[in-house]
Amino acid sequence: MSSPTLETPTPRTPKATSSKQLSQRDMAGILGIDTKTLYNWKKHKPNLYRIVMLGFKFDELLECSKRNYDKLLELEAQAMAQPHKQP
């Protein structure tokens, strides 16, 4: 039986902000804006663009944490189900 391994989030570029590999078009769609608007933010309002990208990264980290928590619960259940050996 193979035990699940925990994920380690990796830094990503803005074009690949999540495990779903979101494109600029995908991110603009999620935000309800045109891709040109996102491009203009990147070029003319870099702080706003950075905040938006941090939001996407935060979502990715949160998803990863949730998956890891679920895996830890599974491992705990497996450990509790195994008979304990007395020394």
N, C-alpha and C. Protein backbone atom coordinates (compact mmCIF):
# COMPACT_ATOMS: atom_id res chain seq x y z
N MET A 1 0.84 -1.17 0.00
CA MET A 1 0.00 0.00 0.00
C MET A 1 0.89 1.24 0.00
N SER A 2 0.63 2.13 -0.90
CA SER A 2 1.41 3.36 -1.02
C SER A 2 0.71 4.47 -0.25
N SER A 3 1.51 5.19 0.54
CA SER A 3 0.90 6.29 1.29
C SER A 3 0.96 7.56 0.46
N PRO A 4 -0.03 8.44 0.62
CA PRO A 4 -0.02 9.66 -0.16
C PRO A 4 1.12 10.57 0.27
N THR A 5 1.64 11.30 -0.68
CA THR A 5 2.70 12.25 -0.37
C THR A 5 2.12 13.65 -0.34
N LEU A 6 2.70 14.49 0.50
CA LEU A 6 2.23 15.86 0.61
C LEU A 6 2.82 16.69 -0.51
N GLU A 7 2.06 17.66 -0.97
CA GLU A 7 2.50 18.53 -2.05
C GLU A 7 3.28 19.71 -1.50
N THR A 8 4.23 20.14 -2.28
CA THR A 8 4.96 21.35 -1.95
C THR A 8 4.65 22.36 -3.04
N PRO A 9 4.01 23.48 -2.68
CA PRO A 9 3.72 24.47 -3.70
C PRO A 9 5.00 25.04 -4.29
N THR A 10 4.98 25.26 -5.58
CA THR A 10 6.16 25.81 -6.24
C THR A 10 5.83 27.20 -6.77
N PRO A 11 6.81 28.09 -6.75
CA PRO A 11 6.55 29.42 -7.30
C PRO A 11 6.29 29.31 -8.79
N ARG A 12 5.40 30.13 -9.26
CA ARG A 12 5.05 30.09 -10.68
C ARG A 12 5.09 31.50 -11.25
N THR A 13 5.24 31.54 -12.55
CA THR A 13 5.21 32.83 -13.22
C THR A 13 3.77 33.28 -13.37
N PRO A 14 3.52 34.56 -13.61
CA PRO A 14 2.15 35.02 -13.76
C PRO A 14 1.37 34.30 -14.85
N LYS A 15 2.03 33.82 -15.90
CA LYS A 15 1.31 33.12 -16.96
C LYS A 15 0.89 31.72 -16.54
N ALA A 16 1.50 31.19 -15.50
CA ALA A 16 1.15 29.86 -15.00
C ALA A 16 0.95 29.96 -13.50
N THR A 17 -0.12 30.60 -13.12
CA THR A 17 -0.29 30.95 -11.72
C THR A 17 -0.79 29.82 -10.87
N SER A 18 -1.37 28.81 -11.43
CA SER A 18 -1.88 27.73 -10.61
C SER A 18 -1.61 26.41 -11.26
N SER A 19 -1.95 25.36 -10.51
CA SER A 19 -1.75 24.03 -11.05
C SER A 19 -2.58 23.82 -12.30
N LYS A 20 -3.58 24.64 -12.50
CA LYS A 20 -4.41 24.54 -13.70
C LYS A 20 -3.76 25.25 -14.88
N GLN A 21 -2.60 25.85 -14.66
CA GLN A 21 -1.88 26.57 -15.71
C GLN A 21 -2.77 27.64 -16.35
N LEU A 22 -3.25 28.56 -15.54
CA LEU A 22 -4.11 29.62 -16.04
C LEU A 22 -3.35 30.53 -16.99
N SER A 23 -3.96 30.83 -18.11
CA SER A 23 -3.38 31.78 -19.04
C SER A 23 -3.84 33.19 -18.67
N GLN A 24 -3.27 34.16 -19.33
CA GLN A 24 -3.70 35.54 -19.11
C GLN A 24 -5.20 35.67 -19.43
N ARG A 25 -5.63 34.99 -20.48
CA ARG A 25 -7.05 35.02 -20.86
C ARG A 25 -7.91 34.40 -19.76
N ASP A 26 -7.46 33.27 -19.21
CA ASP A 26 -8.20 32.62 -18.12
C ASP A 26 -8.32 33.55 -16.92
N MET A 27 -7.20 34.17 -16.54
CA MET A 27 -7.22 35.06 -15.38
C MET A 27 -8.13 36.25 -15.62
N ALA A 28 -8.06 36.82 -16.83
CA ALA A 28 -8.93 37.95 -17.15
C ALA A 28 -10.40 37.53 -17.07
N GLY A 29 -10.71 36.34 -17.56
CA GLY A 29 -12.08 35.83 -17.49
C GLY A 29 -12.55 35.67 -16.06
N ILE A 30 -11.69 35.14 -15.21
CA ILE A 30 -12.03 34.97 -13.79
C ILE A 30 -12.29 36.33 -13.15
N LEU A 31 -11.49 37.32 -13.53
CA LEU A 31 -11.64 38.66 -12.96
C LEU A 31 -12.76 39.46 -13.62
N GLY A 32 -13.28 38.96 -14.74
CA GLY A 32 -14.34 39.68 -15.44
C GLY A 32 -13.85 40.91 -16.18
N ILE A 33 -12.61 40.84 -16.67
CA ILE A 33 -12.03 41.95 -17.41
C ILE A 33 -11.49 41.44 -18.73
N ASP A 34 -11.15 42.36 -19.62
CA ASP A 34 -10.55 42.03 -20.90
C ASP A 34 -9.07 41.73 -20.70
N THR A 35 -8.50 40.91 -21.56
CA THR A 35 -7.07 40.61 -21.45
C THR A 35 -6.22 41.87 -21.64
N LYS A 36 -6.72 42.81 -22.44
CA LYS A 36 -6.00 44.08 -22.62
C LYS A 36 -5.91 44.85 -21.31
N THR A 37 -6.97 44.77 -20.52
CA THR A 37 -6.96 45.45 -19.22
C THR A 37 -5.89 44.85 -18.33
N LEU A 38 -5.81 43.53 -18.30
CA LEU A 38 -4.79 42.86 -17.50
C LEU A 38 -3.39 43.25 -17.97
N TYR A 39 -3.21 43.30 -19.29
CA TYR A 39 -1.92 43.72 -19.84
C TYR A 39 -1.60 45.16 -19.43
N ASN A 40 -2.61 46.04 -19.52
CA ASN A 40 -2.39 47.45 -19.14
C ASN A 40 -2.05 47.58 -17.66
N TRP A 41 -2.68 46.77 -16.82
CA TRP A 41 -2.34 46.79 -15.39
C TRP A 41 -0.88 46.41 -15.20
N LYS A 42 -0.47 45.37 -15.94
CA LYS A 42 0.91 44.89 -15.81
C LYS A 42 1.89 45.99 -16.23
N LYS A 43 1.55 46.70 -17.30
CA LYS A 43 2.44 47.71 -17.85
C LYS A 43 2.38 49.04 -17.09
N HIS A 44 1.16 49.49 -16.75
CA HIS A 44 1.00 50.83 -16.20
C HIS A 44 0.68 50.87 -14.70
N LYS A 45 0.22 49.77 -14.16
CA LYS A 45 -0.10 49.71 -12.73
C LYS A 45 0.49 48.43 -12.14
N PRO A 46 1.83 48.36 -12.09
CA PRO A 46 2.48 47.11 -11.67
C PRO A 46 2.11 46.67 -10.26
N ASN A 47 1.84 47.60 -9.36
CA ASN A 47 1.45 47.20 -8.00
C ASN A 47 0.09 46.51 -8.00
N LEU A 48 -0.85 47.04 -8.76
CA LEU A 48 -2.17 46.41 -8.87
C LEU A 48 -2.04 45.02 -9.48
N TYR A 49 -1.26 44.93 -10.55
CA TYR A 49 -1.05 43.64 -11.21
C TYR A 49 -0.42 42.64 -10.24
N ARG A 50 0.56 43.09 -9.48
CA ARG A 50 1.23 42.22 -8.51
C ARG A 50 0.24 41.72 -7.46
N ILE A 51 -0.64 42.59 -6.99
CA ILE A 51 -1.64 42.19 -6.00
C ILE A 51 -2.58 41.14 -6.59
N VAL A 52 -2.99 41.35 -7.83
CA VAL A 52 -3.87 40.37 -8.49
C VAL A 52 -3.16 39.02 -8.61
N MET A 53 -1.90 39.04 -9.02
CA MET A 53 -1.15 37.79 -9.15
C MET A 53 -0.97 37.11 -7.80
N LEU A 54 -0.75 37.90 -6.75
CA LEU A 54 -0.64 37.33 -5.41
C LEU A 54 -1.95 36.67 -4.99
N GLY A 55 -3.06 37.24 -5.41
CA GLY A 55 -4.36 36.63 -5.12
C GLY A 55 -4.48 35.26 -5.76
N PHE A 56 -4.05 35.14 -7.01
CA PHE A 56 -4.08 33.84 -7.68
C PHE A 56 -3.14 32.85 -7.00
N LYS A 57 -1.96 33.32 -6.60
CA LYS A 57 -1.02 32.45 -5.91
C LYS A 57 -1.57 32.02 -4.55
N PHE A 58 -2.24 32.94 -3.86
CA PHE A 58 -2.85 32.61 -2.58
C PHE A 58 -3.89 31.51 -2.76
N ASP A 59 -4.71 31.63 -3.79
CA ASP A 59 -5.71 30.59 -4.07
C ASP A 59 -5.05 29.24 -4.30
N GLU A 60 -3.95 29.25 -5.05
CA GLU A 60 -3.24 28.00 -5.31
C GLU A 60 -2.69 27.39 -4.02
N LEU A 61 -2.09 28.23 -3.18
CA LEU A 61 -1.54 27.74 -1.92
C LEU A 61 -2.64 27.21 -1.01
N LEU A 62 -3.78 27.88 -1.00
CA LEU A 62 -4.90 27.44 -0.19
C LEU A 62 -5.42 26.08 -0.67
N GLU A 63 -5.54 25.91 -1.98
CA GLU A 63 -5.97 24.62 -2.53
C GLU A 63 -4.98 23.52 -2.16
N CYS A 64 -3.69 23.82 -2.27
CA CYS A 64 -2.65 22.85 -1.94
C CYS A 64 -2.72 22.49 -0.46
N SER A 65 -2.93 23.47 0.39
CA SER A 65 -3.04 23.21 1.83
C SER A 65 -4.24 22.33 2.14
N LYS A 66 -5.35 22.58 1.47
CA LYS A 66 -6.54 21.75 1.68
C LYS A 66 -6.29 20.30 1.27
N ARG A 67 -5.63 20.12 0.12
CA ARG A 67 -5.32 18.75 -0.33
C ARG A 67 -4.38 18.07 0.66
N ASN A 68 -3.37 18.80 1.14
CA ASN A 68 -2.44 18.22 2.11
C ASN A 68 -3.15 17.86 3.41
N TYR A 69 -4.07 18.70 3.86
CA TYR A 69 -4.82 18.43 5.08
C TYR A 69 -5.64 17.15 4.91
N ASP A 70 -6.29 17.01 3.76
CA ASP A 70 -7.07 15.80 3.50
C ASP A 70 -6.17 14.56 3.49
N LYS A 71 -4.98 14.68 2.92
CA LYS A 71 -4.05 13.55 2.91
C LYS A 71 -3.59 13.21 4.32
N LEU A 72 -3.35 14.24 5.13
CA LEU A 72 -2.95 13.98 6.52
C LEU A 72 -4.07 13.28 7.30
N LEU A 73 -5.31 13.68 7.06
CA LEU A 73 -6.43 13.00 7.71
C LEU A 73 -6.49 11.53 7.29
N GLU A 74 -6.23 11.29 6.01
CA GLU A 74 -6.22 9.91 5.51
C GLU A 74 -5.11 9.10 6.17
N LEU A 75 -3.92 9.69 6.27
CA LEU A 75 -2.80 9.00 6.92
C LEU A 75 -3.10 8.72 8.39
N GLU A 76 -3.72 9.68 9.06
CA GLU A 76 -4.08 9.49 10.46
C GLU A 76 -5.07 8.34 10.61
N ALA A 77 -6.05 8.29 9.72
CA ALA A 77 -7.04 7.21 9.77
C ALA A 77 -6.37 5.86 9.53
N GLN A 78 -5.43 5.81 8.60
CA GLN A 78 -4.71 4.56 8.33
C GLN A 78 -3.90 4.15 9.55
N ALA A 79 -3.23 5.11 10.17
CA ALA A 79 -2.40 4.81 11.34
C ALA A 79 -3.26 4.32 12.50
N MET A 80 -4.42 4.91 12.68
CA MET A 80 -5.31 4.52 13.78
C MET A 80 -5.92 3.14 13.53
N ALA A 81 -6.05 2.76 12.27
CA ALA A 81 -6.66 1.47 11.93
C ALA A 81 -5.68 0.31 12.08
N GLN A 82 -4.38 0.60 12.06
CA GLN A 82 -3.38 -0.46 12.19
C GLN A 82 -3.26 -0.88 13.65
N PRO A 83 -3.12 -2.19 13.88
CA PRO A 83 -2.94 -2.64 15.26
C PRO A 83 -1.58 -2.16 15.80
N HIS A 84 -1.60 -1.76 17.05
CA HIS A 84 -0.37 -1.27 17.68
C HIS A 84 0.39 -2.45 18.28
N LYS A 85 1.70 -2.47 18.04
CA LYS A 85 2.54 -3.52 18.60
C LYS A 85 3.08 -3.06 19.94
N GLN A 86 3.01 -3.93 20.91
CA GLN A 86 3.55 -3.63 22.23
C GLN A 86 5.02 -3.99 22.25
N PRO A 87 5.89 -3.15 22.82
CA PRO A 87 7.34 -3.46 22.86
C PRO A 87 7.64 -4.58 23.82
